[in-house]
Amino acid sequence: MLFLQALLMLLLYDILKVCCPFETMYTVVKGWRVVGGIPRSEITHRVCTVVNYSCVWYPKRALCLQRSFVITYLLRKRGVDARMVLGAQKLPFKAHAWVEIEGQAINERSNVQAIYAVWDRC
């Protein structure tokens, strides 16, 4: 069930990207509420693993913003106060999105918080 939700959210992101400006998607993420529940590390690990597998089966390449969008949604629906973070580095210019829980980046290979300056957390 979680796998299908992740695939549907990847598709929803692509639809929103075509139909709506970035500001609308940003507002949507900011408006998601954390549904009651107890944050547990196994839920976080499970959601990240499922989203990673979903991205393998999704017909398009899912970039960092799309993955962060889906992970944030799925975690908040399971009671985890996840924040989508937008950041950038100056030289060479690169923008990146990731998810944090209690200030810790999740589902990342490197220390993104040291590499990218944070624009916003939503």
N, C-alpha and C. Protein backbone atom coordinates (compact mmCIF):
# COMPACT_ATOMS: atom_id res chain seq x y z
N MET A 1 0.82 -1.20 0.00
CA MET A 1 0.00 0.00 0.00
C MET A 1 0.87 1.26 0.00
N LEU A 2 1.90 1.28 0.83
CA LEU A 2 2.79 2.43 0.90
C LEU A 2 3.50 2.67 -0.43
N PHE A 3 3.88 1.57 -1.09
CA PHE A 3 4.54 1.66 -2.39
C PHE A 3 3.62 2.35 -3.41
N LEU A 4 2.35 1.97 -3.43
CA LEU A 4 1.40 2.60 -4.36
C LEU A 4 1.19 4.08 -4.02
N GLN A 5 1.12 4.39 -2.74
CA GLN A 5 0.99 5.80 -2.34
C GLN A 5 2.19 6.60 -2.83
N ALA A 6 3.38 6.04 -2.70
CA ALA A 6 4.58 6.74 -3.15
C ALA A 6 4.55 6.96 -4.65
N LEU A 7 4.16 5.94 -5.42
CA LEU A 7 4.06 6.10 -6.88
C LEU A 7 3.02 7.16 -7.25
N LEU A 8 1.89 7.15 -6.57
CA LEU A 8 0.85 8.15 -6.85
C LEU A 8 1.31 9.56 -6.51
N MET A 9 2.06 9.70 -5.43
CA MET A 9 2.58 11.02 -5.07
C MET A 9 3.64 11.51 -6.06
N LEU A 10 4.45 10.60 -6.58
CA LEU A 10 5.41 10.97 -7.63
C LEU A 10 4.66 11.50 -8.85
N LEU A 11 3.57 10.82 -9.22
CA LEU A 11 2.74 11.25 -10.35
C LEU A 11 2.07 12.58 -10.05
N LEU A 12 1.54 12.74 -8.83
CA LEU A 12 0.89 14.00 -8.46
C LEU A 12 1.87 15.16 -8.56
N TYR A 13 3.09 14.95 -8.13
CA TYR A 13 4.10 16.00 -8.23
C TYR A 13 4.29 16.42 -9.69
N ASP A 14 4.43 15.42 -10.58
CA ASP A 14 4.61 15.74 -12.00
C ASP A 14 3.42 16.50 -12.57
N ILE A 15 2.23 16.14 -12.16
CA ILE A 15 1.04 16.85 -12.62
C ILE A 15 1.03 18.28 -12.10
N LEU A 16 1.31 18.45 -10.81
CA LEU A 16 1.35 19.80 -10.23
C LEU A 16 2.43 20.66 -10.88
N LYS A 17 3.56 20.05 -11.20
CA LYS A 17 4.66 20.79 -11.81
C LYS A 17 4.25 21.37 -13.16
N VAL A 18 3.43 20.65 -13.90
CA VAL A 18 2.98 21.11 -15.21
C VAL A 18 1.88 22.17 -15.06
N CYS A 19 0.98 21.96 -14.11
CA CYS A 19 -0.21 22.81 -13.98
C CYS A 19 -0.02 24.05 -13.11
N CYS A 20 0.91 23.98 -12.17
CA CYS A 20 0.99 25.03 -11.15
C CYS A 20 2.40 25.62 -11.06
N PRO A 21 2.48 26.88 -10.67
CA PRO A 21 3.81 27.44 -10.41
C PRO A 21 4.42 26.84 -9.14
N PHE A 22 5.72 27.00 -8.99
CA PHE A 22 6.42 26.46 -7.83
C PHE A 22 5.81 26.97 -6.53
N GLU A 23 5.39 28.22 -6.52
CA GLU A 23 4.81 28.81 -5.31
C GLU A 23 3.61 28.01 -4.81
N THR A 24 2.80 27.50 -5.73
CA THR A 24 1.65 26.69 -5.35
C THR A 24 2.08 25.39 -4.69
N MET A 25 3.07 24.73 -5.28
CA MET A 25 3.56 23.48 -4.70
C MET A 25 4.18 23.73 -3.33
N TYR A 26 4.89 24.82 -3.19
CA TYR A 26 5.49 25.20 -1.92
C TYR A 26 4.40 25.39 -0.86
N THR A 27 3.34 26.08 -1.23
CA THR A 27 2.22 26.32 -0.32
C THR A 27 1.54 25.01 0.06
N VAL A 28 1.42 24.10 -0.89
CA VAL A 28 0.81 22.80 -0.60
C VAL A 28 1.62 22.07 0.46
N VAL A 29 2.93 22.02 0.29
CA VAL A 29 3.79 21.33 1.26
C VAL A 29 3.73 22.01 2.62
N LYS A 30 3.78 23.32 2.62
CA LYS A 30 3.73 24.06 3.88
C LYS A 30 2.41 23.83 4.62
N GLY A 31 1.35 23.57 3.87
CA GLY A 31 0.04 23.37 4.47
C GLY A 31 -0.22 21.96 4.99
N TRP A 32 0.62 20.99 4.63
CA TRP A 32 0.42 19.63 5.12
C TRP A 32 0.60 19.59 6.63
N ARG A 33 -0.32 18.98 7.29
CA ARG A 33 -0.24 18.86 8.75
C ARG A 33 0.23 17.47 9.13
N VAL A 34 0.87 17.40 10.28
CA VAL A 34 1.31 16.11 10.81
C VAL A 34 0.09 15.44 11.42
N VAL A 35 -0.23 14.26 10.93
CA VAL A 35 -1.34 13.49 11.45
C VAL A 35 -0.88 12.83 12.73
N GLY A 36 -1.75 12.79 13.73
CA GLY A 36 -1.39 12.24 15.02
C GLY A 36 -0.70 10.88 14.93
N GLY A 37 0.29 10.71 15.74
CA GLY A 37 1.04 9.47 15.75
C GLY A 37 2.32 9.66 16.52
N ILE A 38 3.01 8.59 16.75
CA ILE A 38 4.27 8.64 17.46
C ILE A 38 5.40 8.50 16.46
N PRO A 39 6.29 9.50 16.35
CA PRO A 39 7.39 9.38 15.41
C PRO A 39 8.31 8.22 15.81
N ARG A 40 8.55 7.34 14.89
CA ARG A 40 9.42 6.21 15.16
C ARG A 40 10.41 6.07 14.02
N SER A 41 11.62 5.68 14.35
CA SER A 41 12.66 5.59 13.34
C SER A 41 12.35 4.53 12.29
N GLU A 42 11.65 3.46 12.66
CA GLU A 42 11.35 2.43 11.66
C GLU A 42 10.38 2.94 10.61
N ILE A 43 9.48 3.85 10.99
CA ILE A 43 8.58 4.44 10.00
C ILE A 43 9.38 5.29 9.03
N THR A 44 10.30 6.08 9.54
CA THR A 44 11.14 6.92 8.69
C THR A 44 11.95 6.07 7.73
N HIS A 45 12.58 5.05 8.25
CA HIS A 45 13.39 4.17 7.39
C HIS A 45 12.52 3.49 6.34
N ARG A 46 11.35 3.02 6.75
CA ARG A 46 10.46 2.33 5.81
C ARG A 46 9.99 3.26 4.70
N VAL A 47 9.59 4.48 5.05
CA VAL A 47 9.12 5.43 4.04
C VAL A 47 10.25 5.76 3.06
N CYS A 48 11.44 6.04 3.57
CA CYS A 48 12.56 6.37 2.68
C CYS A 48 12.89 5.21 1.76
N THR A 49 12.87 3.99 2.27
CA THR A 49 13.16 2.82 1.45
C THR A 49 12.10 2.64 0.37
N VAL A 50 10.84 2.78 0.74
CA VAL A 50 9.75 2.62 -0.23
C VAL A 50 9.83 3.69 -1.31
N VAL A 51 10.11 4.92 -0.93
CA VAL A 51 10.22 6.00 -1.93
C VAL A 51 11.41 5.72 -2.86
N ASN A 52 12.51 5.26 -2.32
CA ASN A 52 13.66 4.92 -3.17
C ASN A 52 13.29 3.84 -4.19
N TYR A 53 12.59 2.79 -3.74
CA TYR A 53 12.15 1.73 -4.66
C TYR A 53 11.12 2.26 -5.65
N SER A 54 10.23 3.12 -5.21
CA SER A 54 9.22 3.69 -6.10
C SER A 54 9.87 4.50 -7.21
N CYS A 55 10.93 5.21 -6.88
CA CYS A 55 11.64 6.01 -7.88
C CYS A 55 12.29 5.11 -8.94
N VAL A 56 12.67 3.91 -8.56
CA VAL A 56 13.24 2.97 -9.52
C VAL A 56 12.18 2.55 -10.53
N TRP A 57 10.96 2.33 -10.06
CA TRP A 57 9.88 1.86 -10.92
C TRP A 57 9.13 2.99 -11.62
N TYR A 58 9.31 4.21 -11.16
CA TYR A 58 8.62 5.34 -11.78
C TYR A 58 9.23 5.58 -13.17
N PRO A 59 8.39 5.84 -14.18
CA PRO A 59 8.92 5.92 -15.56
C PRO A 59 9.84 7.11 -15.83
N LYS A 60 9.80 8.13 -14.99
CA LYS A 60 10.69 9.29 -15.15
C LYS A 60 11.69 9.31 -14.01
N ARG A 61 12.79 10.00 -14.24
CA ARG A 61 13.77 10.17 -13.17
C ARG A 61 13.23 11.17 -12.15
N ALA A 62 13.17 10.76 -10.91
CA ALA A 62 12.69 11.64 -9.83
C ALA A 62 13.89 12.37 -9.24
N LEU A 63 13.86 13.69 -9.32
CA LEU A 63 14.95 14.50 -8.78
C LEU A 63 14.68 14.81 -7.31
N CYS A 64 15.61 15.53 -6.70
CA CYS A 64 15.58 15.75 -5.25
C CYS A 64 14.30 16.44 -4.77
N LEU A 65 13.79 17.40 -5.50
CA LEU A 65 12.60 18.12 -5.06
C LEU A 65 11.38 17.20 -5.06
N GLN A 66 11.25 16.39 -6.09
CA GLN A 66 10.14 15.45 -6.18
C GLN A 66 10.22 14.40 -5.07
N ARG A 67 11.40 13.86 -4.83
CA ARG A 67 11.58 12.87 -3.77
C ARG A 67 11.27 13.48 -2.40
N SER A 68 11.74 14.69 -2.18
CA SER A 68 11.50 15.36 -0.90
C SER A 68 10.02 15.64 -0.69
N PHE A 69 9.34 16.02 -1.75
CA PHE A 69 7.89 16.27 -1.73
C PHE A 69 7.17 15.01 -1.26
N VAL A 70 7.50 13.87 -1.85
CA VAL A 70 6.83 12.61 -1.54
C VAL A 70 7.18 12.13 -0.13
N ILE A 71 8.45 12.17 0.23
CA ILE A 71 8.87 11.72 1.57
C ILE A 71 8.22 12.57 2.65
N THR A 72 8.19 13.87 2.45
CA THR A 72 7.56 14.77 3.44
C THR A 72 6.09 14.43 3.61
N TYR A 73 5.39 14.24 2.51
CA TYR A 73 3.97 13.91 2.57
C TYR A 73 3.74 12.61 3.34
N LEU A 74 4.45 11.56 2.93
CA LEU A 74 4.22 10.24 3.53
C LEU A 74 4.58 10.22 5.02
N LEU A 75 5.64 10.91 5.39
CA LEU A 75 6.02 10.94 6.81
C LEU A 75 5.02 11.72 7.65
N ARG A 76 4.58 12.86 7.14
CA ARG A 76 3.61 13.65 7.91
C ARG A 76 2.29 12.90 8.08
N LYS A 77 1.90 12.13 7.07
CA LYS A 77 0.67 11.35 7.18
C LYS A 77 0.81 10.21 8.18
N ARG A 78 2.03 9.91 8.58
CA ARG A 78 2.27 8.85 9.57
C ARG A 78 2.73 9.39 10.91
N GLY A 79 2.54 10.69 11.13
CA GLY A 79 2.81 11.28 12.43
C GLY A 79 4.22 11.77 12.66
N VAL A 80 5.03 11.83 11.63
CA VAL A 80 6.41 12.30 11.77
C VAL A 80 6.49 13.74 11.28
N ASP A 81 7.02 14.61 12.10
CA ASP A 81 7.13 16.04 11.76
C ASP A 81 8.34 16.26 10.85
N ALA A 82 8.17 15.90 9.60
CA ALA A 82 9.23 16.04 8.60
C ALA A 82 9.14 17.43 7.95
N ARG A 83 10.30 17.99 7.62
CA ARG A 83 10.37 19.29 6.97
C ARG A 83 11.13 19.16 5.65
N MET A 84 10.52 19.67 4.58
CA MET A 84 11.23 19.74 3.30
C MET A 84 12.11 20.98 3.34
N VAL A 85 13.37 20.81 3.00
CA VAL A 85 14.34 21.90 3.07
C VAL A 85 14.83 22.22 1.65
N LEU A 86 14.87 23.51 1.34
CA LEU A 86 15.39 23.99 0.07
C LEU A 86 16.68 24.73 0.34
N GLY A 87 17.73 24.40 -0.41
CA GLY A 87 19.01 25.06 -0.19
C GLY A 87 19.79 25.19 -1.48
N ALA A 88 20.91 25.91 -1.39
CA ALA A 88 21.76 26.11 -2.57
C ALA A 88 23.19 26.36 -2.12
N GLN A 89 24.11 26.11 -3.04
CA GLN A 89 25.50 26.50 -2.83
C GLN A 89 25.83 27.54 -3.90
N LYS A 90 26.79 28.42 -3.58
CA LYS A 90 27.09 29.54 -4.48
C LYS A 90 27.92 29.12 -5.69
N LEU A 91 29.09 28.54 -5.45
CA LEU A 91 29.99 28.21 -6.55
C LEU A 91 30.40 26.75 -6.50
N PRO A 92 30.23 26.01 -7.53
CA PRO A 92 29.31 26.32 -8.63
C PRO A 92 27.88 26.29 -8.11
N PHE A 93 27.02 27.09 -8.73
CA PHE A 93 25.66 27.18 -8.24
C PHE A 93 24.96 25.84 -8.40
N LYS A 94 24.40 25.37 -7.30
CA LYS A 94 23.58 24.16 -7.29
C LYS A 94 22.49 24.35 -6.26
N ALA A 95 21.30 23.95 -6.63
CA ALA A 95 20.18 23.95 -5.69
C ALA A 95 19.87 22.50 -5.33
N HIS A 96 19.34 22.30 -4.14
CA HIS A 96 19.04 20.94 -3.69
C HIS A 96 17.89 20.99 -2.71
N ALA A 97 17.14 19.90 -2.65
CA ALA A 97 16.05 19.75 -1.68
C ALA A 97 16.28 18.45 -0.93
N TRP A 98 15.96 18.48 0.37
CA TRP A 98 16.08 17.28 1.18
C TRP A 98 15.06 17.36 2.30
N VAL A 99 14.97 16.29 3.09
CA VAL A 99 14.01 16.22 4.19
C VAL A 99 14.78 16.13 5.50
N GLU A 100 14.29 16.87 6.49
CA GLU A 100 14.87 16.82 7.83
C GLU A 100 13.81 16.43 8.85
N ILE A 101 14.27 15.71 9.86
CA ILE A 101 13.45 15.41 11.03
C ILE A 101 14.25 15.86 12.23
N GLU A 102 13.68 16.78 13.00
CA GLU A 102 14.34 17.34 14.17
C GLU A 102 15.75 17.85 13.83
N GLY A 103 15.87 18.51 12.67
CA GLY A 103 17.13 19.11 12.26
C GLY A 103 18.14 18.17 11.63
N GLN A 104 17.81 16.88 11.52
CA GLN A 104 18.72 15.90 10.94
C GLN A 104 18.24 15.55 9.53
N ALA A 105 19.13 15.64 8.54
CA ALA A 105 18.80 15.27 7.17
C ALA A 105 18.63 13.76 7.08
N ILE A 106 17.59 13.34 6.37
CA ILE A 106 17.37 11.90 6.18
C ILE A 106 17.45 11.58 4.69
N ASN A 107 17.71 10.32 4.40
CA ASN A 107 17.77 9.81 3.03
C ASN A 107 18.79 10.55 2.17
N GLU A 108 19.90 10.93 2.77
CA GLU A 108 20.96 11.64 2.08
C GLU A 108 22.28 10.90 2.25
N ARG A 109 23.12 10.94 1.23
CA ARG A 109 24.42 10.28 1.30
C ARG A 109 25.50 11.14 1.93
N SER A 110 25.37 12.44 1.79
CA SER A 110 26.40 13.35 2.32
C SER A 110 25.78 14.32 3.32
N ASN A 111 26.62 15.11 3.93
CA ASN A 111 26.15 16.10 4.89
C ASN A 111 25.69 17.34 4.13
N VAL A 112 24.46 17.31 3.67
CA VAL A 112 23.93 18.41 2.86
C VAL A 112 23.89 19.71 3.62
N GLN A 113 23.73 19.64 4.92
CA GLN A 113 23.64 20.86 5.72
C GLN A 113 24.95 21.62 5.73
N ALA A 114 26.07 20.94 5.51
CA ALA A 114 27.36 21.61 5.45
C ALA A 114 27.66 22.13 4.04
N ILE A 115 27.04 21.53 3.05
CA ILE A 115 27.32 21.88 1.65
C ILE A 115 26.41 23.00 1.15
N TYR A 116 25.15 22.96 1.55
CA TYR A 116 24.16 23.89 1.01
C TYR A 116 23.68 24.86 2.09
N ALA A 117 23.54 26.12 1.70
CA ALA A 117 22.94 27.13 2.58
C ALA A 117 21.41 26.96 2.47
N VAL A 118 20.73 26.98 3.59
CA VAL A 118 19.29 26.76 3.61
C VAL A 118 18.55 28.02 3.17
N TRP A 119 17.66 27.87 2.20
CA TRP A 119 16.78 28.95 1.81
C TRP A 119 15.54 28.96 2.70
N ASP A 120 14.96 27.78 2.84
CA ASP A 120 13.72 27.71 3.60
C ASP A 120 13.46 26.27 4.04
N ARG A 121 12.72 26.15 5.13
CA ARG A 121 12.21 24.87 5.60
C ARG A 121 10.69 24.97 5.61
N CYS A 122 10.04 24.01 4.97
CA CYS A 122 8.57 24.05 4.95
C CYS A 122 8.00 22.70 5.35
